[in-house]
């Protein structure tokens, strides 16, 4: 599953990032492979808002679609 398919309130673990440019952009946001994040909001037609370490990051849908994740057993 990719990050753009996550539902609000779900926790996910980032498993892989498809290409080096996307990986570089994600690292700038402080997220990389094996990072656990929570989806706090999904803006219709807009970005996915994720939480990590009390910080919110808005990721565009195109970028989120290149990040492969698995569900984690947590809740917001």
N, C-alpha and C. Protein backbone atom coordinates (compact mmCIF):
# COMPACT_ATOMS: atom_id res chain seq x y z
N UNK A 1 0.85 -1.16 0.00
CA UNK A 1 0.00 0.00 0.00
C UNK A 1 0.91 1.23 0.00
N UNK A 2 0.42 2.30 -0.59
CA UNK A 2 1.19 3.54 -0.62
C UNK A 2 0.57 4.55 0.35
N UNK A 3 1.36 5.54 0.72
CA UNK A 3 0.94 6.51 1.73
C UNK A 3 -0.29 7.31 1.31
N UNK A 4 -0.52 7.49 0.02
CA UNK A 4 -1.70 8.24 -0.42
C UNK A 4 -3.00 7.48 -0.23
N UNK A 5 -2.95 6.19 0.15
CA UNK A 5 -4.14 5.38 0.37
C UNK A 5 -4.47 5.19 1.85
N UNK A 6 -3.71 5.81 2.71
CA UNK A 6 -3.91 5.69 4.16
C UNK A 6 -5.13 6.50 4.56
N UNK A 7 -5.84 6.03 5.57
CA UNK A 7 -7.01 6.72 6.09
C UNK A 7 -6.63 7.54 7.34
N UNK A 8 -7.42 8.57 7.60
CA UNK A 8 -7.19 9.42 8.76
C UNK A 8 -7.20 8.58 10.04
N UNK A 9 -6.20 8.79 10.90
CA UNK A 9 -6.11 8.08 12.16
C UNK A 9 -5.26 6.82 12.11
N UNK A 10 -4.87 6.37 10.93
CA UNK A 10 -4.06 5.16 10.83
C UNK A 10 -2.58 5.48 11.05
N UNK A 11 -1.91 4.53 11.70
CA UNK A 11 -0.45 4.58 11.86
C UNK A 11 0.15 3.65 10.83
N UNK A 12 1.23 4.09 10.20
CA UNK A 12 1.89 3.27 9.19
C UNK A 12 3.40 3.32 9.39
N UNK A 13 4.05 2.28 8.92
CA UNK A 13 5.51 2.21 8.92
C UNK A 13 5.97 2.32 7.48
N UNK A 14 6.87 3.22 7.21
CA UNK A 14 7.39 3.39 5.85
C UNK A 14 8.36 2.26 5.55
N UNK A 15 8.05 1.50 4.52
CA UNK A 15 8.86 0.34 4.16
C UNK A 15 9.88 0.65 3.07
N UNK A 16 9.44 1.39 2.06
CA UNK A 16 10.38 1.74 0.99
C UNK A 16 9.90 2.99 0.28
N UNK A 17 10.84 3.67 -0.33
CA UNK A 17 10.56 4.87 -1.11
C UNK A 17 11.09 4.61 -2.50
N UNK A 18 10.21 4.77 -3.49
CA UNK A 18 10.46 4.23 -4.83
C UNK A 18 11.65 4.78 -5.59
N UNK A 19 11.96 6.05 -5.47
CA UNK A 19 13.11 6.57 -6.22
C UNK A 19 13.94 7.52 -5.37
N UNK A 20 15.13 7.81 -5.83
CA UNK A 20 16.08 8.59 -5.03
C UNK A 20 15.63 10.03 -4.80
N UNK A 21 14.98 10.67 -5.78
CA UNK A 21 14.52 12.04 -5.60
C UNK A 21 13.42 12.10 -4.53
N UNK A 22 12.50 11.16 -4.58
CA UNK A 22 11.44 11.10 -3.58
C UNK A 22 12.03 10.81 -2.21
N UNK A 23 13.01 9.91 -2.13
CA UNK A 23 13.68 9.58 -0.87
C UNK A 23 14.35 10.83 -0.30
N UNK A 24 15.00 11.61 -1.13
CA UNK A 24 15.66 12.84 -0.70
C UNK A 24 14.64 13.84 -0.15
N UNK A 25 13.50 14.00 -0.83
CA UNK A 25 12.46 14.91 -0.36
C UNK A 25 11.91 14.45 0.98
N UNK A 26 11.68 13.15 1.13
CA UNK A 26 11.14 12.60 2.38
C UNK A 26 12.13 12.80 3.53
N UNK A 27 13.41 12.61 3.27
CA UNK A 27 14.43 12.79 4.30
C UNK A 27 14.46 14.25 4.75
N UNK A 28 14.24 15.17 3.85
CA UNK A 28 14.17 16.59 4.22
C UNK A 28 13.03 16.86 5.19
N UNK A 29 11.95 16.07 5.09
CA UNK A 29 10.81 16.19 6.00
C UNK A 29 11.04 15.40 7.28
N UNK A 30 12.16 14.69 7.38
CA UNK A 30 12.45 13.93 8.58
C UNK A 30 11.85 12.54 8.59
N UNK A 31 11.46 12.04 7.42
CA UNK A 31 10.93 10.68 7.34
C UNK A 31 11.76 9.86 6.38
N UNK A 32 11.96 8.62 6.75
CA UNK A 32 12.72 7.70 5.91
C UNK A 32 12.19 6.30 6.11
N UNK A 33 12.85 5.34 5.51
CA UNK A 33 12.44 3.95 5.64
C UNK A 33 12.53 3.52 7.10
N UNK A 34 11.55 2.71 7.54
CA UNK A 34 11.41 2.21 8.91
C UNK A 34 10.83 3.25 9.87
N UNK A 35 10.47 4.44 9.40
CA UNK A 35 9.86 5.46 10.23
C UNK A 35 8.37 5.16 10.41
N UNK A 36 7.86 5.35 11.62
CA UNK A 36 6.44 5.17 11.89
C UNK A 36 5.80 6.55 11.98
N UNK A 37 4.72 6.75 11.22
CA UNK A 37 4.02 8.03 11.19
C UNK A 37 2.52 7.79 11.32
N UNK A 38 1.80 8.84 11.69
CA UNK A 38 0.34 8.77 11.78
C UNK A 38 -0.28 9.73 10.77
N UNK A 39 -1.36 9.32 10.16
CA UNK A 39 -2.10 10.18 9.25
C UNK A 39 -3.09 10.98 10.08
N UNK A 40 -2.89 12.28 10.20
CA UNK A 40 -3.78 13.09 11.03
C UNK A 40 -4.88 13.77 10.23
N UNK A 41 -4.68 13.95 8.94
CA UNK A 41 -5.69 14.62 8.13
C UNK A 41 -5.46 14.31 6.66
N UNK A 42 -6.55 14.26 5.92
CA UNK A 42 -6.49 14.11 4.47
C UNK A 42 -7.31 15.25 3.89
N UNK A 43 -6.68 16.14 3.18
CA UNK A 43 -7.36 17.28 2.58
C UNK A 43 -7.90 16.82 1.23
N UNK A 44 -9.23 16.90 1.01
CA UNK A 44 -9.79 16.46 -0.28
C UNK A 44 -9.15 17.21 -1.45
N UNK A 45 -8.59 16.45 -2.37
CA UNK A 45 -7.92 17.03 -3.53
C UNK A 45 -6.60 17.71 -3.19
N UNK A 46 -6.12 17.50 -1.97
CA UNK A 46 -4.90 18.16 -1.53
C UNK A 46 -3.95 17.20 -0.85
N UNK A 47 -3.12 17.72 0.05
CA UNK A 47 -2.08 16.90 0.66
C UNK A 47 -2.58 15.95 1.75
N UNK A 48 -1.70 15.02 2.12
CA UNK A 48 -1.87 14.12 3.24
C UNK A 48 -1.07 14.74 4.40
N UNK A 49 -1.70 14.93 5.55
CA UNK A 49 -1.01 15.48 6.71
C UNK A 49 -0.62 14.33 7.62
N UNK A 50 0.68 14.20 7.90
CA UNK A 50 1.16 13.14 8.77
C UNK A 50 1.81 13.73 10.01
N UNK A 51 1.81 12.97 11.09
CA UNK A 51 2.46 13.36 12.34
C UNK A 51 3.65 12.46 12.58
N UNK A 52 4.72 13.07 13.05
CA UNK A 52 5.90 12.33 13.48
C UNK A 52 6.61 13.16 14.53
N UNK A 53 6.81 12.60 15.69
CA UNK A 53 7.52 13.30 16.78
C UNK A 53 6.93 14.68 17.05
N UNK A 54 5.62 14.75 17.22
CA UNK A 54 4.90 15.99 17.52
C UNK A 54 5.06 17.06 16.45
N UNK A 55 5.39 16.66 15.24
CA UNK A 55 5.51 17.59 14.13
C UNK A 55 4.57 17.15 13.02
N UNK A 56 3.86 18.10 12.42
CA UNK A 56 2.99 17.78 11.30
C UNK A 56 3.67 18.15 10.00
N UNK A 57 3.53 17.25 9.01
CA UNK A 57 4.13 17.46 7.70
C UNK A 57 3.05 17.21 6.66
N UNK A 58 2.92 18.13 5.70
CA UNK A 58 1.97 17.97 4.60
C UNK A 58 2.73 17.43 3.39
N UNK A 59 2.30 16.26 2.91
CA UNK A 59 2.91 15.65 1.74
C UNK A 59 1.93 15.67 0.58
N UNK A 60 2.37 16.12 -0.56
CA UNK A 60 1.53 16.11 -1.75
C UNK A 60 1.17 14.67 -2.14
N UNK A 61 0.04 14.51 -2.78
CA UNK A 61 -0.44 13.18 -3.17
C UNK A 61 0.54 12.45 -4.08
N UNK A 62 1.17 13.17 -4.99
CA UNK A 62 2.12 12.54 -5.91
C UNK A 62 3.31 11.96 -5.15
N UNK A 63 3.83 12.73 -4.20
CA UNK A 63 4.94 12.28 -3.37
C UNK A 63 4.50 11.10 -2.49
N UNK A 64 3.33 11.22 -1.86
CA UNK A 64 2.82 10.16 -1.00
C UNK A 64 2.58 8.87 -1.77
N UNK A 65 2.24 8.97 -3.04
CA UNK A 65 1.99 7.80 -3.87
C UNK A 65 3.25 7.00 -4.18
N UNK A 66 4.41 7.56 -3.91
CA UNK A 66 5.68 6.88 -4.17
C UNK A 66 6.30 6.27 -2.91
N UNK A 67 5.56 6.36 -1.78
CA UNK A 67 6.07 5.86 -0.50
C UNK A 67 5.25 4.64 -0.10
N UNK A 68 5.90 3.48 -0.03
CA UNK A 68 5.25 2.22 0.33
C UNK A 68 5.24 2.05 1.85
N UNK A 69 4.06 1.70 2.38
CA UNK A 69 3.88 1.59 3.83
C UNK A 69 3.14 0.31 4.19
N UNK A 70 3.21 -0.05 5.48
CA UNK A 70 2.39 -1.13 6.06
C UNK A 70 1.72 -0.56 7.29
N UNK A 71 0.53 -1.08 7.62
CA UNK A 71 -0.21 -0.60 8.78
C UNK A 71 0.47 -1.02 10.07
N UNK A 72 0.39 -0.14 11.07
CA UNK A 72 0.89 -0.40 12.42
C UNK A 72 -0.30 -0.46 13.36
N UNK A 73 -0.16 -1.11 14.49
CA UNK A 73 -1.24 -1.27 15.47
C UNK A 73 -1.20 -0.17 16.52
N UNK A 74 -1.55 1.05 16.16
CA UNK A 74 -1.64 2.17 17.08
C UNK A 74 -2.88 2.97 16.70
N UNK A 75 -3.22 3.96 17.52
CA UNK A 75 -4.31 4.86 17.17
C UNK A 75 -3.97 6.27 17.66
N UNK A 76 -4.56 7.27 17.01
CA UNK A 76 -4.29 8.66 17.38
C UNK A 76 -4.98 9.03 18.67
